[in-house]
Amino acid sequence: PKLYGEVPEAQRNVATFRNVIIAAFGFTLITELVFMVCGYGRFGASVESTLLSSYAFEPLSLACWVCMAANIACTYPIVFQAARSSILATLKQALGPRLPPIDRGVFTAALV
């Protein structure tokens, strides 16, 4: 993976990289489970898929919606760039010399 290739050669170790990935996914899983249990505990079976939808419309819940929108707006380009690079690398590897030159701007617009 690109992330693994960015680790300095002297520090690159597959076992360490695997353990870091497992720890990151484990932390994410535990965090999500805590939010699910808290949402269910607060609202019971009537909890909405987006927890913020379960709260009444008031200034604090609106502030949370704005923060969530800012989070999405700021992280989407990072995730999208990685996906675009992976798709292009896969196409180049699969098609090799048969792959016509691809304009990154046109390709990006097509993905969006």
Protein backbone atom coordinates (compact mmCIF):
# COMPACT_ATOMS: atom_id res chain seq x y z
CA PRO A 1 0.00 0.00 0.00
CA LYS A 2 1.03 3.61 -0.56
CA LEU A 3 1.03 4.27 3.18
CA TYR A 4 3.48 1.41 3.78
CA GLY A 5 5.76 2.70 1.02
CA GLU A 6 5.95 6.09 2.72
CA VAL A 7 7.47 4.60 5.88
CA PRO A 8 11.26 5.13 5.91
CA GLU A 9 13.14 2.03 4.71
CA ALA A 10 14.96 1.58 8.02
CA GLN A 11 11.66 1.49 9.94
CA ARG A 12 9.63 -0.54 7.43
CA ASN A 13 8.44 -3.83 8.90
CA VAL A 14 5.43 -5.85 7.75
CA ALA A 15 4.64 -7.20 11.22
CA THR A 16 4.69 -3.72 12.78
CA PHE A 17 2.59 -2.30 9.95
CA ARG A 18 0.06 -5.13 10.38
CA ASN A 19 -0.14 -4.49 14.14
CA VAL A 20 -0.68 -0.76 13.62
CA ILE A 21 -3.48 -1.45 11.13
CA ILE A 22 -5.12 -3.96 13.48
CA ALA A 23 -4.88 -1.47 16.37
CA ALA A 24 -6.36 1.35 14.25
CA PHE A 25 -9.29 -0.77 13.06
CA GLY A 26 -9.79 -2.11 16.59
CA PHE A 27 -9.90 1.40 18.02
CA THR A 28 -12.38 2.46 15.34
CA LEU A 29 -14.57 -0.58 16.01
CA ILE A 30 -14.62 0.04 19.77
CA THR A 31 -15.41 3.73 19.25
CA GLU A 32 -18.31 2.90 16.92
CA LEU A 33 -19.65 0.28 19.34
CA VAL A 34 -19.57 2.78 22.22
CA PHE A 35 -21.54 5.30 20.13
CA MET A 36 -24.05 2.63 19.11
CA VAL A 37 -24.62 1.51 22.69
CA CYS A 38 -24.91 5.12 23.91
CA GLY A 39 -27.38 5.97 21.13
CA TYR A 40 -29.47 2.91 21.90
CA GLY A 41 -29.29 3.63 25.64
CA ARG A 42 -30.42 7.24 25.12
CA PHE A 43 -33.17 6.68 22.54
CA GLY A 44 -34.01 2.96 22.72
CA ALA A 45 -35.24 1.20 19.61
CA SER A 46 -36.45 4.47 18.08
CA VAL A 47 -32.92 5.78 17.45
CA GLU A 48 -32.37 7.19 13.96
CA SER A 49 -29.56 5.99 11.71
CA THR A 50 -27.92 9.38 12.15
CA LEU A 51 -27.87 9.97 15.87
CA LEU A 52 -28.23 13.73 15.48
CA SER A 53 -31.62 13.22 13.80
CA SER A 54 -32.94 11.91 17.10
CA TYR A 55 -32.37 15.23 18.87
CA ALA A 56 -34.79 18.16 18.80
CA PHE A 57 -33.91 21.07 16.53
CA GLU A 58 -32.13 23.51 18.81
CA PRO A 59 -28.93 25.59 18.67
CA LEU A 60 -26.68 22.90 20.16
CA SER A 61 -27.88 20.19 17.79
CA LEU A 62 -27.52 22.64 14.88
CA ALA A 63 -23.91 23.31 15.96
CA CYS A 64 -23.29 19.54 15.93
CA TRP A 65 -24.73 19.30 12.40
CA VAL A 66 -22.44 22.15 11.26
CA CYS A 67 -19.42 20.40 12.82
CA MET A 68 -20.34 17.14 11.12
CA ALA A 69 -20.69 18.91 7.75
CA ALA A 70 -17.29 20.57 8.23
CA ASN A 71 -15.76 17.20 9.09
CA ILE A 72 -17.12 15.65 5.91
CA ALA A 73 -16.08 18.62 3.78
CA CYS A 74 -12.53 18.54 5.14
CA THR A 75 -11.95 14.77 5.03
CA TYR A 76 -13.65 13.91 1.72
CA PRO A 77 -10.82 15.25 -0.47
CA ILE A 78 -8.26 13.17 1.44
CA VAL A 79 -10.23 9.95 1.02
CA PHE A 80 -11.15 10.77 -2.59
CA GLN A 81 -7.52 11.40 -3.58
CA ALA A 82 -6.50 8.00 -2.22
CA ALA A 83 -9.37 6.28 -4.06
CA ARG A 84 -8.54 8.06 -7.33
CA SER A 85 -4.85 7.12 -7.06
CA SER A 86 -5.72 3.49 -6.30
CA ILE A 87 -8.13 3.24 -9.24
CA LEU A 88 -5.59 4.76 -11.64
CA ALA A 89 -2.81 2.46 -10.37
CA THR A 90 -5.07 -0.58 -10.74
CA LEU A 91 -6.01 0.42 -14.30
CA LYS A 92 -2.36 0.98 -15.21
CA GLN A 93 -1.38 -2.40 -13.79
CA ALA A 94 -4.30 -4.27 -15.38
CA LEU A 95 -4.16 -2.66 -18.83
CA GLY A 96 -0.49 -1.73 -19.05
CA PRO A 97 0.42 -0.19 -22.40
CA ARG A 98 -3.17 -0.57 -23.67
CA LEU A 99 -4.31 2.12 -21.21
CA PRO A 100 -4.76 5.39 -23.11
CA PRO A 101 -3.40 8.58 -21.53
CA ILE A 102 -5.86 9.75 -18.89
CA ASP A 103 -6.35 13.41 -18.06
CA ARG A 104 -6.54 13.58 -14.24
CA GLY A 105 -9.04 16.45 -14.34
CA VAL A 106 -11.45 14.60 -16.62
CA PHE A 107 -11.01 11.39 -14.64
CA THR A 108 -11.68 13.23 -11.37
CA ALA A 109 -14.82 14.85 -12.80
CA ALA A 110 -16.04 11.46 -14.01
CA LEU A 111 -15.58 9.95 -10.53
CA VAL A 112 -17.34 12.81 -8.79
